[in-house]
């Protein structure tokens, strides 16, 4: 019996040692959707361990440029992966759009306002408006552009408070601010759903963000390619749609 137990432990150890790992830099707006994608992926690829890190797209570009050991970069727009591509830091021909995301205005239930335009942000009840850092987070940049197009940026600039990425900005909206801009996809998550009134910003003010992903140069291993291909498949696309993303 003791020999059998020792053998079982050895076999488990060998299996763990043989498990391939894929490290993925993931834009914060994709957090819950990506976790679901990985769960589905592992049903068919139990021998591949996917290790995600979540944050701002701009922040990941800096990390990858400095040699961070990511295999795949899933950004919140196309400009940041294109910047890596221009610097010869990606595998040729692997930059593709995986989804389109929408910007949404979120007002916590406690504020008592229902948005139907950006003009609601002029209401005296709204003293703080949370957005993601526009320098590193595409959804933050898009929020600033939407306010500019609506002619409201200068009127509201003093109310703006910033989160490091869209996930942190969304937490600020619910915990400390009176309104803010988030990714529409995050309003489908358990921590946000039902916590406030949601208004999807019209395309004339905030065109959909084309979100792209790419394999990092020198990282095109079989397990990396398996995840890369899976993200383009029907199961992953179904999950993305369930989180409010547009997929082709």
C-alpha atoms as a PDB file:
ATOM      1  CA  UNK A   1       0.000   0.000   0.000  1.00  0.00           C
ATOM      2  CA  UNK A   2       2.849   2.353   0.894  1.00  0.00           C
ATOM      3  CA  UNK A   3       4.529   1.689  -2.455  1.00  0.00           C
ATOM      4  CA  UNK A   4       1.271   2.469  -4.254  1.00  0.00           C
ATOM      5  CA  UNK A   5       0.947   5.764  -2.425  1.00  0.00           C
ATOM      6  CA  UNK A   6       4.518   6.721  -3.224  1.00  0.00           C
ATOM      7  CA  UNK A   7       3.965   5.865  -6.879  1.00  0.00           C
ATOM      8  CA  UNK A   8       0.797   7.957  -6.998  1.00  0.00           C
ATOM      9  CA  UNK A   9       2.593  10.945  -5.491  1.00  0.00           C
ATOM     10  CA  UNK A  10       5.448  10.580  -7.974  1.00  0.00           C
ATOM     11  CA  UNK A  11       3.020  10.374 -10.903  1.00  0.00           C
ATOM     12  CA  UNK A  12       1.166  13.479  -9.731  1.00  0.00           C
ATOM     13  CA  UNK A  13       4.451  15.319  -9.373  1.00  0.00           C
ATOM     14  CA  UNK A  14       5.514  14.341 -12.887  1.00  0.00           C
ATOM     15  CA  UNK A  15       2.142  15.444 -14.289  1.00  0.00           C
ATOM     16  CA  UNK A  16       2.457  18.829 -12.609  1.00  0.00           C
ATOM     17  CA  UNK A  17       6.012  19.194 -13.863  1.00  0.00           C
ATOM     18  CA  UNK A  18       4.920  18.382 -17.419  1.00  0.00           C
ATOM     19  CA  UNK A  19       2.057  20.920 -17.401  1.00  0.00           C
ATOM     20  CA  UNK A  20       2.833  23.688 -19.880  1.00  0.00           C
ATOM     21  CA  UNK A  21       2.197  27.284 -18.819  1.00  0.00           C
ATOM     22  CA  UNK A  22       0.966  30.261 -20.822  1.00  0.00           C
ATOM     23  CA  UNK A  23       1.358  33.698 -19.263  1.00  0.00           C
ATOM     24  CA  UNK A  24      -1.110  36.290 -20.483  1.00  0.00           C
ATOM     25  CA  UNK A  25      -1.195  40.069 -19.963  1.00  0.00           C
ATOM     26  CA  UNK A  26      -4.916  40.899 -19.946  1.00  0.00           C
ATOM     27  CA  UNK A  27      -6.603  44.304 -20.087  1.00  0.00           C
ATOM     28  CA  UNK A  28      -8.619  44.887 -16.919  1.00  0.00           C
ATOM     29  CA  UNK A  29     -11.957  45.213 -18.736  1.00  0.00           C
ATOM     30  CA  UNK A  30     -11.632  41.571 -19.770  1.00  0.00           C
ATOM     31  CA  UNK A  31     -11.027  40.097 -16.320  1.00  0.00           C
ATOM     32  CA  UNK A  32     -14.218  38.097 -15.705  1.00  0.00           C
ATOM     33  CA  UNK A  33     -14.728  37.155 -19.340  1.00  0.00           C
ATOM     34  CA  UNK A  34     -11.150  35.907 -19.620  1.00  0.00           C
ATOM     35  CA  UNK A  35     -11.475  33.829 -16.470  1.00  0.00           C
ATOM     36  CA  UNK A  36     -14.500  32.141 -18.056  1.00  0.00           C
ATOM     37  CA  UNK A  37     -12.593  31.601 -21.298  1.00  0.00           C
ATOM     38  CA  UNK A  38      -9.723  29.962 -19.418  1.00  0.00           C
ATOM     39  CA  UNK A  39     -12.162  27.733 -17.533  1.00  0.00           C
ATOM     40  CA  UNK A  40     -13.681  26.553 -20.817  1.00  0.00           C
ATOM     41  CA  UNK A  41     -10.244  26.202 -22.442  1.00  0.00           C
ATOM     42  CA  UNK A  42      -9.006  23.957 -19.627  1.00  0.00           C
ATOM     43  CA  UNK A  43     -11.917  21.573 -20.101  1.00  0.00           C
ATOM     44  CA  UNK A  44     -10.263  20.578 -23.379  1.00  0.00           C
ATOM     45  CA  UNK A  45      -6.655  21.419 -22.444  1.00  0.00           C
ATOM     46  CA  UNK A  46      -6.128  20.266 -18.884  1.00  0.00           C
ATOM     47  CA  UNK A  47      -2.376  19.957 -19.490  1.00  0.00           C
ATOM     48  CA  UNK A  48      -2.002  23.700 -20.112  1.00  0.00           C
ATOM     49  CA  UNK A  49      -1.888  26.142 -17.214  1.00  0.00           C
ATOM     50  CA  UNK A  50      -2.986  29.674 -18.136  1.00  0.00           C
ATOM     51  CA  UNK A  51      -1.654  32.361 -15.790  1.00  0.00           C
ATOM     52  CA  UNK A  52      -3.286  35.764 -16.367  1.00  0.00           C
ATOM     53  CA  UNK A  53      -2.176  39.137 -15.061  1.00  0.00           C
ATOM     54  CA  UNK A  54      -4.738  41.957 -15.188  1.00  0.00           C
ATOM     55  CA  UNK A  55      -4.014  45.652 -15.580  1.00  0.00           C
ATOM     56  CA  UNK A  56      -3.872  48.607 -17.957  1.00  0.00           C
ATOM     57  CA  UNK A  57      -2.856  48.065 -21.563  1.00  0.00           C
ATOM     58  CA  UNK A  58      -0.316  50.880 -21.447  1.00  0.00           C
ATOM     59  CA  UNK A  59       1.237  49.493 -18.305  1.00  0.00           C
ATOM     60  CA  UNK A  60       1.683  46.101 -19.950  1.00  0.00           C
ATOM     61  CA  UNK A  61       3.387  47.652 -22.960  1.00  0.00           C
ATOM     62  CA  UNK A  62       5.992  49.128 -20.612  1.00  0.00           C
ATOM     63  CA  UNK A  63       6.446  45.786 -18.850  1.00  0.00           C
ATOM     64  CA  UNK A  64       6.762  43.793 -22.072  1.00  0.00           C
ATOM     65  CA  UNK A  65       9.212  46.327 -23.498  1.00  0.00           C
ATOM     66  CA  UNK A  66      11.319  45.842 -20.371  1.00  0.00           C
ATOM     67  CA  UNK A  67      11.303  42.057 -20.810  1.00  0.00           C
ATOM     68  CA  UNK A  68       8.347  40.858 -18.717  1.00  0.00           C
ATOM     69  CA  UNK A  69       7.826  37.142 -19.482  1.00  0.00           C
ATOM     70  CA  UNK A  70       4.364  37.297 -21.056  1.00  0.00           C
ATOM     71  CA  UNK A  71       3.440  35.005 -23.929  1.00  0.00           C
ATOM     72  CA  UNK A  72       0.238  36.717 -25.080  1.00  0.00           C
ATOM     73  CA  UNK A  73      -0.976  40.299 -24.733  1.00  0.00           C
ATOM     74  CA  UNK A  74      -4.734  40.930 -24.762  1.00  0.00           C
ATOM     75  CA  UNK A  75      -5.221  44.680 -24.996  1.00  0.00           C
ATOM     76  CA  UNK A  76      -8.207  47.003 -24.696  1.00  0.00           C
ATOM     77  CA  UNK A  77      -7.480  48.584 -28.075  1.00  0.00           C
ATOM     78  CA  UNK A  78      -5.264  48.125 -31.141  1.00  0.00           C
ATOM     79  CA  UNK A  79      -2.799  50.966 -30.585  1.00  0.00           C
ATOM     80  CA  UNK A  80      -0.882  49.382 -27.701  1.00  0.00           C
ATOM     81  CA  UNK A  81      -0.224  46.005 -29.383  1.00  0.00           C
ATOM     82  CA  UNK A  82       0.597  47.897 -32.584  1.00  0.00           C
ATOM     83  CA  UNK A  83       3.234  49.819 -30.628  1.00  0.00           C
ATOM     84  CA  UNK A  84       4.845  46.499 -29.680  1.00  0.00           C
ATOM     85  CA  UNK A  85       4.582  45.327 -33.273  1.00  0.00           C
ATOM     86  CA  UNK A  86       6.372  48.437 -34.551  1.00  0.00           C
ATOM     87  CA  UNK A  87       9.206  47.709 -32.114  1.00  0.00           C
ATOM     88  CA  UNK A  88       9.538  44.126 -33.395  1.00  0.00           C
ATOM     89  CA  UNK A  89       8.355  42.667 -30.087  1.00  0.00           C
ATOM     90  CA  UNK A  90       5.555  40.479 -31.476  1.00  0.00           C
ATOM     91  CA  UNK A  91       5.278  37.361 -33.603  1.00  0.00           C
ATOM     92  CA  UNK A  92       4.603  38.449 -37.203  1.00  0.00           C
ATOM     93  CA  UNK A  93       1.006  38.108 -38.357  1.00  0.00           C
ATOM     94  CA  UNK A  94      -0.460  37.376 -34.899  1.00  0.00           C
ATOM     95  CA  UNK A  95      -2.038  40.761 -34.141  1.00  0.00           C
ATOM     96  CA  UNK A  96      -5.802  40.335 -34.468  1.00  0.00           C
ATOM     97  CA  UNK A  97      -8.972  41.970 -33.153  1.00  0.00           C
ATOM     98  CA  UNK A  98     -10.791  39.556 -30.836  1.00  0.00           C
ATOM     99  CA  UNK A  99     -13.751  41.779 -29.836  1.00  0.00           C
ATOM    100  CA  UNK A 100     -15.171  45.280 -29.755  1.00  0.00           C
ATOM    101  CA  UNK A 101     -15.981  46.896 -26.411  1.00  0.00           C
ATOM    102  CA  UNK A 102     -18.335  49.729 -25.539  1.00  0.00           C
ATOM    103  CA  UNK A 103     -17.953  52.581 -23.070  1.00  0.00           C
ATOM    104  CA  UNK A 104     -20.704  52.908 -20.460  1.00  0.00           C
ATOM    105  CA  UNK A 105     -21.692  55.537 -17.926  1.00  0.00           C
ATOM    106  CA  UNK A 106     -22.410  54.037 -14.511  1.00  0.00           C
ATOM    107  CA  UNK A 107     -24.214  55.870 -11.691  1.00  0.00           C
ATOM    108  CA  UNK A 108     -24.493  54.034  -8.350  1.00  0.00           C
ATOM    109  CA  UNK A 109     -28.015  53.384  -7.081  1.00  0.00           C
ATOM    110  CA  UNK A 110     -27.351  55.487  -3.963  1.00  0.00           C
ATOM    111  CA  UNK A 111     -27.071  58.657  -6.099  1.00  0.00           C
ATOM    112  CA  UNK A 112     -30.655  58.352  -7.333  1.00  0.00           C
ATOM    113  CA  UNK A 113     -30.117  59.432 -10.934  1.00  0.00           C
ATOM    114  CA  UNK A 114     -30.863  57.555 -14.161  1.00  0.00           C
ATOM    115  CA  UNK A 115     -28.629  58.616 -17.062  1.00  0.00           C
ATOM    116  CA  UNK A 116     -30.018  59.220 -20.537  1.00  0.00           C
ATOM    117  CA  UNK A 117     -27.228  61.525 -21.726  1.00  0.00           C
ATOM    118  CA  UNK A 118     -23.863  62.806 -20.518  1.00  0.00           C
ATOM    119  CA  UNK A 119     -25.581  65.984 -19.356  1.00  0.00           C
ATOM    120  CA  UNK A 120     -26.605  64.111 -16.228  1.00  0.00           C
ATOM    121  CA  UNK A 121     -23.014  64.625 -15.058  1.00  0.00           C
ATOM    122  CA  UNK A 122     -23.793  68.328 -14.590  1.00  0.00           C
ATOM    123  CA  UNK A 123     -26.275  67.499 -11.851  1.00  0.00           C
ATOM    124  CA  UNK A 124     -25.254  68.879  -8.412  1.00  0.00           C
ATOM    125  CA  UNK A 125     -25.624  65.390  -6.940  1.00  0.00           C
ATOM    126  CA  UNK A 126     -22.547  64.363  -8.887  1.00  0.00           C
ATOM    127  CA  UNK A 127     -19.397  65.775  -7.320  1.00  0.00           C
ATOM    128  CA  UNK A 128     -16.890  63.100  -8.386  1.00  0.00           C
ATOM    129  CA  UNK A 129     -16.654  61.279 -11.715  1.00  0.00           C
ATOM    130  CA  UNK A 130     -14.318  58.289 -11.886  1.00  0.00           C
ATOM    131  CA  UNK A 131     -12.488  57.310 -15.049  1.00  0.00           C
ATOM    132  CA  UNK A 132      -9.467  55.161 -15.866  1.00  0.00           C
ATOM    133  CA  UNK A 133      -6.113  56.827 -16.457  1.00  0.00           C
ATOM    134  CA  UNK A 134      -6.362  58.049 -20.086  1.00  0.00           C
ATOM    135  CA  UNK A 135      -2.588  57.762 -20.545  1.00  0.00           C
ATOM    136  CA  UNK A 136      -2.496  54.001 -20.059  1.00  0.00           C
ATOM    137  CA  UNK A 137      -6.108  52.779 -20.240  1.00  0.00           C
ATOM    138  CA  UNK A 138      -7.983  52.924 -23.581  1.00  0.00           C
ATOM    139  CA  UNK A 139     -11.372  53.151 -21.850  1.00  0.00           C
ATOM    140  CA  UNK A 140     -10.132  56.178 -19.929  1.00  0.00           C
ATOM    141  CA  UNK A 141      -8.915  57.801 -23.128  1.00  0.00           C
ATOM    142  CA  UNK A 142     -12.261  57.090 -24.791  1.00  0.00           C
ATOM    143  CA  UNK A 143     -14.118  58.627 -21.831  1.00  0.00           C
ATOM    144  CA  UNK A 144     -12.130  61.852 -22.177  1.00  0.00           C
ATOM    145  CA  UNK A 145     -12.829  61.916 -25.917  1.00  0.00           C
ATOM    146  CA  UNK A 146     -16.565  61.378 -25.298  1.00  0.00           C
ATOM    147  CA  UNK A 147     -16.666  64.318 -22.886  1.00  0.00           C
ATOM    148  CA  UNK A 148     -14.821  66.463 -25.424  1.00  0.00           C
ATOM    149  CA  UNK A 149     -17.237  65.556 -28.216  1.00  0.00           C
ATOM    150  CA  UNK A 150     -20.168  66.358 -25.935  1.00  0.00           C
ATOM    151  CA  UNK A 151     -18.660  69.758 -25.063  1.00  0.00           C
ATOM    152  CA  UNK A 152     -18.522  68.864 -21.371  1.00  0.00           C
ATOM    153  CA  UNK A 153     -14.872  68.196 -20.592  1.00  0.00           C
ATOM    154  CA  UNK A 154     -13.931  71.661 -19.336  1.00  0.00           C
ATOM    155  CA  UNK A 155     -17.144  71.944 -17.316  1.00  0.00           C
ATOM    156  CA  UNK A 156     -16.476  68.619 -15.603  1.00  0.00           C
ATOM    157  CA  UNK A 157     -12.681  68.483 -15.406  1.00  0.00           C
ATOM    158  CA  UNK A 158     -12.603  69.472 -11.724  1.00  0.00           C
ATOM    159  CA  UNK A 159     -14.896  66.548 -10.869  1.00  0.00           C
ATOM    160  CA  UNK A 160     -12.684  63.865 -12.419  1.00  0.00           C
ATOM    161  CA  UNK A 161     -10.928  61.274 -10.281  1.00  0.00           C
ATOM    162  CA  UNK A 162      -8.727  58.583 -11.798  1.00  0.00           C
ATOM    163  CA  UNK A 163      -8.220  54.858 -11.383  1.00  0.00           C
ATOM    164  CA  UNK A 164      -5.090  53.102 -12.572  1.00  0.00           C
ATOM    165  CA  UNK A 165      -7.116  50.903 -14.925  1.00  0.00           C
ATOM    166  CA  UNK A 166     -10.777  50.401 -15.808  1.00  0.00           C
ATOM    167  CA  UNK A 167     -11.278  47.830 -13.062  1.00  0.00           C
ATOM    168  CA  UNK A 168     -10.004  50.228 -10.384  1.00  0.00           C
ATOM    169  CA  UNK A 169     -12.053  53.068 -11.870  1.00  0.00           C
ATOM    170  CA  UNK A 170     -15.175  50.919 -11.636  1.00  0.00           C
ATOM    171  CA  UNK A 171     -14.431  50.160  -7.990  1.00  0.00           C
ATOM    172  CA  UNK A 172     -14.091  53.906  -7.398  1.00  0.00           C
ATOM    173  CA  UNK A 173     -17.483  54.520  -8.986  1.00  0.00           C
ATOM    174  CA  UNK A 174     -19.206  52.086  -6.658  1.00  0.00           C
ATOM    175  CA  UNK A 175     -17.283  52.913  -3.493  1.00  0.00           C
ATOM    176  CA  UNK A 176     -16.439  56.615  -3.511  1.00  0.00           C
ATOM    177  CA  UNK A 177     -17.520  58.502  -6.630  1.00  0.00           C
ATOM    178  CA  UNK A 178     -20.994  59.590  -7.711  1.00  0.00           C
ATOM    179  CA  UNK A 179     -20.685  58.463 -11.334  1.00  0.00           C
ATOM    180  CA  UNK A 180     -18.074  57.303 -13.783  1.00  0.00           C
ATOM    181  CA  UNK A 181     -17.150  55.613 -16.997  1.00  0.00           C
ATOM    182  CA  UNK A 182     -16.605  51.883 -17.204  1.00  0.00           C
ATOM    183  CA  UNK A 183     -16.391  49.149 -19.783  1.00  0.00           C
ATOM    184  CA  UNK A 184     -19.851  47.890 -20.663  1.00  0.00           C
ATOM    185  CA  UNK A 185     -18.500  44.357 -20.205  1.00  0.00           C
ATOM    186  CA  UNK A 186     -17.836  45.006 -16.513  1.00  0.00           C
ATOM    187  CA  UNK A 187     -21.509  45.804 -15.884  1.00  0.00           C
ATOM    188  CA  UNK A 188     -22.215  42.104 -16.529  1.00  0.00           C
ATOM    189  CA  UNK A 189     -19.942  40.957 -13.692  1.00  0.00           C
ATOM    190  CA  UNK A 190     -21.268  39.808 -10.322  1.00  0.00           C
ATOM    191  CA  UNK A 191     -19.579  42.670  -8.446  1.00  0.00           C
ATOM    192  CA  UNK A 192     -21.177  45.389 -10.602  1.00  0.00           C
ATOM    193  CA  UNK A 193     -24.452  44.001 -11.948  1.00  0.00           C
ATOM    194  CA  UNK A 194     -27.433  45.632 -10.248  1.00  0.00           C
ATOM    195  CA  UNK A 195     -25.285  48.122  -8.333  1.00  0.00           C
ATOM    196  CA  UNK A 196     -26.159  51.118 -10.477  1.00  0.00           C
ATOM    197  CA  UNK A 197     -27.834  52.572 -13.516  1.00  0.00           C
ATOM    198  CA  UNK A 198     -26.009  51.885 -16.783  1.00  0.00           C
ATOM    199  CA  UNK A 199     -26.101  53.934 -19.990  1.00  0.00           C
ATOM    200  CA  UNK A 200     -24.090  52.839 -23.006  1.00  0.00           C
ATOM    201  CA  UNK A 201     -22.450  55.930 -24.507  1.00  0.00           C
ATOM    202  CA  UNK A 202     -23.600  56.389 -28.126  1.00  0.00           C
ATOM    203  CA  UNK A 203     -21.140  55.576 -30.898  1.00  0.00           C
ATOM    204  CA  UNK A 204     -21.120  59.193 -32.110  1.00  0.00           C
ATOM    205  CA  UNK A 205     -19.466  60.100 -28.798  1.00  0.00           C
ATOM    206  CA  UNK A 206     -17.547  56.886 -28.110  1.00  0.00           C
ATOM    207  CA  UNK A 207     -16.991  54.526 -31.049  1.00  0.00           C
ATOM    208  CA  UNK A 208     -16.550  50.857 -30.086  1.00  0.00           C
ATOM    209  CA  UNK A 209     -13.024  49.999 -29.016  1.00  0.00           C
ATOM    210  CA  UNK A 210     -11.429  47.383 -31.241  1.00  0.00           C
ATOM    211  CA  UNK A 211      -9.612  45.142 -28.778  1.00  0.00           C
ATOM    212  CA  UNK A 212      -6.657  43.221 -30.183  1.00  0.00           C
ATOM    213  CA  UNK A 213      -4.353  40.484 -29.010  1.00  0.00           C
ATOM    214  CA  UNK A 214      -0.932  39.303 -30.120  1.00  0.00           C
ATOM    215  CA  UNK A 215       1.712  36.691 -29.388  1.00  0.00           C
ATOM    216  CA  UNK A 216       4.919  38.148 -27.982  1.00  0.00           C
ATOM    217  CA  UNK A 217       8.078  37.631 -30.015  1.00  0.00           C
ATOM    218  CA  UNK A 218       9.796  34.304 -29.371  1.00  0.00           C
ATOM    219  CA  UNK A 219       6.796  32.899 -27.471  1.00  0.00           C
ATOM    220  CA  UNK A 220       5.002  31.006 -30.236  1.00  0.00           C
ATOM    221  CA  UNK A 221       5.120  27.637 -28.476  1.00  0.00           C
ATOM    222  CA  UNK A 222       2.440  24.955 -29.119  1.00  0.00           C
ATOM    223  CA  UNK A 223       0.595  25.663 -25.874  1.00  0.00           C
ATOM    224  CA  UNK A 224       0.601  29.414 -26.615  1.00  0.00           C
ATOM    225  CA  UNK A 225      -0.739  28.814 -30.107  1.00  0.00           C
ATOM    226  CA  UNK A 226      -3.448  26.531 -28.648  1.00  0.00           C
ATOM    227  CA  UNK A 227      -4.789  29.336 -26.433  1.00  0.00           C
ATOM    228  CA  UNK A 228      -4.370  31.916 -29.190  1.00  0.00           C
ATOM    229  CA  UNK A 229      -6.463  29.813 -31.584  1.00  0.00           C
ATOM    230  CA  UNK A 230      -9.053  29.019 -28.910  1.00  0.00           C
ATOM    231  CA  UNK A 231      -9.765  32.720 -28.354  1.00  0.00           C
ATOM    232  CA  UNK A 232     -10.873  32.921 -31.994  1.00  0.00           C
ATOM    233  CA  UNK A 233     -13.172  29.916 -31.648  1.00  0.00           C
ATOM    234  CA  UNK A 234     -16.911  29.659 -31.102  1.00  0.00           C
ATOM    235  CA  UNK A 235     -16.779  28.883 -27.358  1.00  0.00           C
ATOM    236  CA  UNK A 236     -14.656  31.919 -26.525  1.00  0.00           C
ATOM    237  CA  UNK A 237     -16.752  34.135 -28.792  1.00  0.00           C
ATOM    238  CA  UNK A 238     -19.928  32.994 -27.040  1.00  0.00           C
ATOM    239  CA  UNK A 239     -18.424  33.940 -23.680  1.00  0.00           C
ATOM    240  CA  UNK A 240     -17.356  37.353 -24.978  1.00  0.00           C
ATOM    241  CA  UNK A 241     -20.859  38.009 -26.288  1.00  0.00           C
ATOM    242  CA  UNK A 242     -22.320  37.105 -22.881  1.00  0.00           C
ATOM    243  CA  UNK A 243     -20.199  39.895 -21.373  1.00  0.00           C
ATOM    244  CA  UNK A 244     -21.515  42.504 -23.818  1.00  0.00           C
ATOM    245  CA  UNK A 245     -18.692  42.460 -26.333  1.00  0.00           C
ATOM    246  CA  UNK A 246     -19.296  42.661 -30.065  1.00  0.00           C
ATOM    247  CA  UNK A 247     -17.620  39.874 -32.022  1.00  0.00           C
ATOM    248  CA  UNK A 248     -17.464  39.427 -35.769  1.00  0.00           C
END
